[in-house]
């Protein structure tokens, strides 16, 4: 079991960093939603499309990171 200790430390560090990143992505998504609403009011359709595309990428990234986070926690609990 001693050989898995450095791995467990690294996994714990990554889990914490992914938690922070997930939270930051949620905040960014919310702020972008406000910017989209403001851009709609000002009728800046190019900006709306660009921001909506970014929000879509953030949602996909968030989902992928959430799956990685879940897998890391499962491996940590079960094997490390």
N, C-alpha and C. Protein backbone atom coordinates (compact mmCIF):
# COMPACT_ATOMS: atom_id res chain seq x y z
N UNK A 1 0.81 -1.19 0.00
CA UNK A 1 0.00 0.00 0.00
C UNK A 1 0.86 1.26 0.00
N UNK A 2 2.07 1.18 0.50
CA UNK A 2 2.95 2.34 0.59
C UNK A 2 3.20 2.96 -0.78
N UNK A 3 3.27 2.16 -1.82
CA UNK A 3 3.54 2.69 -3.15
C UNK A 3 2.39 3.53 -3.69
N UNK A 4 1.18 3.35 -3.18
CA UNK A 4 0.04 4.12 -3.67
C UNK A 4 -0.11 5.46 -2.95
N UNK A 5 0.67 5.69 -1.90
CA UNK A 5 0.54 6.95 -1.16
C UNK A 5 0.81 8.18 -2.02
N UNK A 6 1.92 8.23 -2.80
CA UNK A 6 2.10 9.40 -3.66
C UNK A 6 0.96 9.57 -4.68
N UNK A 7 0.45 8.46 -5.17
CA UNK A 7 -0.67 8.53 -6.11
C UNK A 7 -1.90 9.11 -5.41
N UNK A 8 -2.16 8.67 -4.20
CA UNK A 8 -3.32 9.18 -3.45
C UNK A 8 -3.20 10.67 -3.20
N UNK A 9 -2.00 11.12 -2.88
CA UNK A 9 -1.78 12.54 -2.65
C UNK A 9 -2.05 13.34 -3.93
N UNK A 10 -1.56 12.84 -5.05
CA UNK A 10 -1.78 13.51 -6.33
C UNK A 10 -3.26 13.51 -6.69
N UNK A 11 -3.93 12.39 -6.50
CA UNK A 11 -5.36 12.31 -6.81
C UNK A 11 -6.13 13.29 -5.93
N UNK A 12 -5.80 13.36 -4.65
CA UNK A 12 -6.47 14.31 -3.75
C UNK A 12 -6.28 15.76 -4.22
N UNK A 13 -5.06 16.08 -4.64
CA UNK A 13 -4.77 17.42 -5.14
C UNK A 13 -5.59 17.72 -6.39
N UNK A 14 -5.65 16.79 -7.31
CA UNK A 14 -6.41 16.99 -8.55
C UNK A 14 -7.90 17.11 -8.24
N UNK A 15 -8.39 16.31 -7.32
CA UNK A 15 -9.81 16.41 -6.93
C UNK A 15 -10.13 17.82 -6.44
N UNK A 16 -9.28 18.36 -5.57
CA UNK A 16 -9.51 19.72 -5.06
C UNK A 16 -9.47 20.75 -6.19
N UNK A 17 -8.51 20.59 -7.08
CA UNK A 17 -8.40 21.54 -8.19
C UNK A 17 -9.59 21.45 -9.14
N UNK A 18 -10.06 20.24 -9.39
CA UNK A 18 -11.23 20.07 -10.26
C UNK A 18 -12.46 20.67 -9.60
N UNK A 19 -12.61 20.50 -8.28
CA UNK A 19 -13.73 21.12 -7.56
C UNK A 19 -13.72 22.63 -7.76
N UNK A 20 -12.55 23.22 -7.62
CA UNK A 20 -12.43 24.67 -7.80
C UNK A 20 -12.75 25.06 -9.23
N UNK A 21 -12.24 24.31 -10.18
CA UNK A 21 -12.50 24.61 -11.59
C UNK A 21 -13.98 24.48 -11.92
N UNK A 22 -14.64 23.47 -11.39
CA UNK A 22 -16.08 23.32 -11.63
C UNK A 22 -16.85 24.53 -11.11
N UNK A 23 -16.49 24.97 -9.92
CA UNK A 23 -17.15 26.15 -9.34
C UNK A 23 -16.89 27.38 -10.19
N UNK A 24 -15.63 27.56 -10.61
CA UNK A 24 -15.29 28.72 -11.44
C UNK A 24 -16.02 28.69 -12.78
N UNK A 25 -16.16 27.51 -13.36
CA UNK A 25 -16.89 27.40 -14.63
C UNK A 25 -18.37 27.76 -14.45
N UNK A 26 -18.95 27.37 -13.32
CA UNK A 26 -20.35 27.72 -13.04
C UNK A 26 -20.51 29.22 -12.91
N UNK A 27 -19.58 29.86 -12.22
CA UNK A 27 -19.63 31.31 -12.06
C UNK A 27 -19.48 32.00 -13.42
N UNK A 28 -18.51 31.54 -14.20
CA UNK A 28 -18.30 32.11 -15.53
C UNK A 28 -19.53 31.94 -16.41
N UNK A 29 -20.13 30.76 -16.37
CA UNK A 29 -21.34 30.50 -17.17
C UNK A 29 -22.45 31.48 -16.78
N UNK A 30 -22.62 31.72 -15.47
CA UNK A 30 -23.66 32.64 -15.00
C UNK A 30 -23.36 34.07 -15.45
N UNK A 31 -22.09 34.48 -15.36
CA UNK A 31 -21.72 35.83 -15.78
C UNK A 31 -21.89 36.00 -17.29
N UNK A 32 -21.57 34.97 -18.04
CA UNK A 32 -21.76 35.02 -19.49
C UNK A 32 -23.23 35.10 -19.84
N UNK A 33 -24.07 34.43 -19.08
CA UNK A 33 -25.52 34.51 -19.32
C UNK A 33 -26.02 35.94 -19.16
N UNK A 34 -25.48 36.64 -18.15
CA UNK A 34 -25.85 38.05 -17.96
C UNK A 34 -25.35 38.89 -19.13
N UNK A 35 -24.14 38.62 -19.59
CA UNK A 35 -23.58 39.36 -20.73
C UNK A 35 -24.39 39.10 -22.00
N UNK A 36 -24.88 37.88 -22.15
CA UNK A 36 -25.73 37.55 -23.30
C UNK A 36 -27.02 38.35 -23.25
N UNK A 37 -27.62 38.41 -22.06
CA UNK A 37 -28.86 39.17 -21.91
C UNK A 37 -28.63 40.64 -22.24
N UNK A 38 -27.54 41.20 -21.75
CA UNK A 38 -27.23 42.60 -22.03
C UNK A 38 -26.98 42.82 -23.53
N UNK A 39 -26.33 41.87 -24.16
CA UNK A 39 -26.05 41.99 -25.60
C UNK A 39 -27.32 41.88 -26.41
N UNK A 40 -28.26 41.09 -25.94
CA UNK A 40 -29.56 41.00 -26.64
C UNK A 40 -30.29 42.33 -26.57
N UNK A 41 -30.24 42.94 -25.40
CA UNK A 41 -30.91 44.23 -25.22
C UNK A 41 -30.29 45.27 -26.16
N UNK A 42 -28.97 45.24 -26.29
CA UNK A 42 -28.30 46.21 -27.17
C UNK A 42 -28.29 45.74 -28.64
N UNK A 43 -28.91 44.60 -28.88
CA UNK A 43 -29.05 44.05 -30.23
C UNK A 43 -27.71 43.77 -30.91
N UNK A 44 -26.75 43.31 -30.12
CA UNK A 44 -25.43 42.95 -30.66
C UNK A 44 -25.42 41.44 -30.91
N UNK A 45 -25.99 41.05 -32.05
CA UNK A 45 -26.20 39.62 -32.35
C UNK A 45 -24.90 38.85 -32.54
N UNK A 46 -23.88 39.50 -33.07
CA UNK A 46 -22.59 38.81 -33.23
C UNK A 46 -22.03 38.41 -31.86
N UNK A 47 -22.11 39.35 -30.93
CA UNK A 47 -21.62 39.08 -29.57
C UNK A 47 -22.47 37.98 -28.91
N UNK A 48 -23.77 38.04 -29.11
CA UNK A 48 -24.67 37.03 -28.54
C UNK A 48 -24.28 35.64 -29.05
N UNK A 49 -24.08 35.51 -30.35
CA UNK A 49 -23.71 34.21 -30.92
C UNK A 49 -22.37 33.72 -30.37
N UNK A 50 -21.40 34.62 -30.28
CA UNK A 50 -20.08 34.23 -29.78
C UNK A 50 -20.16 33.80 -28.32
N UNK A 51 -20.89 34.55 -27.51
CA UNK A 51 -21.01 34.20 -26.09
C UNK A 51 -21.81 32.92 -25.89
N UNK A 52 -22.86 32.74 -26.70
CA UNK A 52 -23.64 31.50 -26.60
C UNK A 52 -22.80 30.29 -26.97
N UNK A 53 -21.94 30.44 -27.98
CA UNK A 53 -21.05 29.34 -28.36
C UNK A 53 -20.10 29.02 -27.22
N UNK A 54 -19.59 30.06 -26.57
CA UNK A 54 -18.69 29.86 -25.44
C UNK A 54 -19.41 29.18 -24.28
N UNK A 55 -20.63 29.58 -24.00
CA UNK A 55 -21.42 28.96 -22.93
C UNK A 55 -21.63 27.47 -23.24
N UNK A 56 -21.89 27.16 -24.49
CA UNK A 56 -22.05 25.75 -24.88
C UNK A 56 -20.79 24.95 -24.62
N UNK A 57 -19.65 25.51 -24.96
CA UNK A 57 -18.38 24.82 -24.70
C UNK A 57 -18.13 24.67 -23.20
N UNK A 58 -18.48 25.70 -22.44
CA UNK A 58 -18.31 25.63 -20.99
C UNK A 58 -19.20 24.53 -20.41
N UNK A 59 -20.42 24.42 -20.89
CA UNK A 59 -21.32 23.36 -20.40
C UNK A 59 -20.75 21.98 -20.70
N UNK A 60 -20.25 21.79 -21.91
CA UNK A 60 -19.67 20.50 -22.26
C UNK A 60 -18.42 20.22 -21.43
N UNK A 61 -17.61 21.22 -21.23
CA UNK A 61 -16.40 21.06 -20.41
C UNK A 61 -16.77 20.75 -18.97
N UNK A 62 -17.77 21.41 -18.47
CA UNK A 62 -18.23 21.19 -17.09
C UNK A 62 -18.69 19.74 -16.92
N UNK A 63 -19.46 19.26 -17.86
CA UNK A 63 -19.94 17.88 -17.79
C UNK A 63 -18.78 16.88 -17.82
N UNK A 64 -17.83 17.12 -18.71
CA UNK A 64 -16.67 16.22 -18.81
C UNK A 64 -15.86 16.25 -17.52
N UNK A 65 -15.64 17.43 -16.97
CA UNK A 65 -14.90 17.54 -15.71
C UNK A 65 -15.66 16.90 -14.55
N UNK A 66 -16.97 17.02 -14.58
CA UNK A 66 -17.77 16.40 -13.52
C UNK A 66 -17.64 14.87 -13.58
N UNK A 67 -17.58 14.32 -14.78
CA UNK A 67 -17.40 12.87 -14.92
C UNK A 67 -16.01 12.45 -14.42
N UNK A 68 -14.99 13.24 -14.76
CA UNK A 68 -13.63 12.96 -14.28
C UNK A 68 -13.60 13.04 -12.76
N UNK A 69 -14.23 14.06 -12.20
CA UNK A 69 -14.29 14.25 -10.75
C UNK A 69 -14.94 13.03 -10.07
N UNK A 70 -16.03 12.57 -10.64
CA UNK A 70 -16.72 11.40 -10.08
C UNK A 70 -15.83 10.17 -10.14
N UNK A 71 -15.19 9.96 -11.27
CA UNK A 71 -14.30 8.80 -11.41
C UNK A 71 -13.11 8.87 -10.46
N UNK A 72 -12.53 10.04 -10.32
CA UNK A 72 -11.41 10.19 -9.38
C UNK A 72 -11.84 9.85 -7.96
N UNK A 73 -13.00 10.33 -7.57
CA UNK A 73 -13.49 10.04 -6.21
C UNK A 73 -13.77 8.56 -6.02
N UNK A 74 -14.34 7.93 -7.02
CA UNK A 74 -14.61 6.49 -6.92
C UNK A 74 -13.32 5.69 -6.79
N UNK A 75 -12.35 6.01 -7.63
CA UNK A 75 -11.05 5.30 -7.56
C UNK A 75 -10.39 5.57 -6.22
N UNK A 76 -10.45 6.80 -5.77
CA UNK A 76 -9.83 7.17 -4.47
C UNK A 76 -10.45 6.36 -3.35
N UNK A 77 -11.76 6.27 -3.32
CA UNK A 77 -12.45 5.54 -2.25
C UNK A 77 -12.18 4.04 -2.32
N UNK A 78 -12.16 3.53 -3.53
CA UNK A 78 -12.09 2.07 -3.68
C UNK A 78 -10.66 1.53 -3.65
N UNK A 79 -9.71 2.24 -4.22
CA UNK A 79 -8.40 1.66 -4.42
C UNK A 79 -7.24 2.38 -3.74
N UNK A 80 -7.44 3.62 -3.30
CA UNK A 80 -6.29 4.36 -2.75
C UNK A 80 -6.46 4.66 -1.28
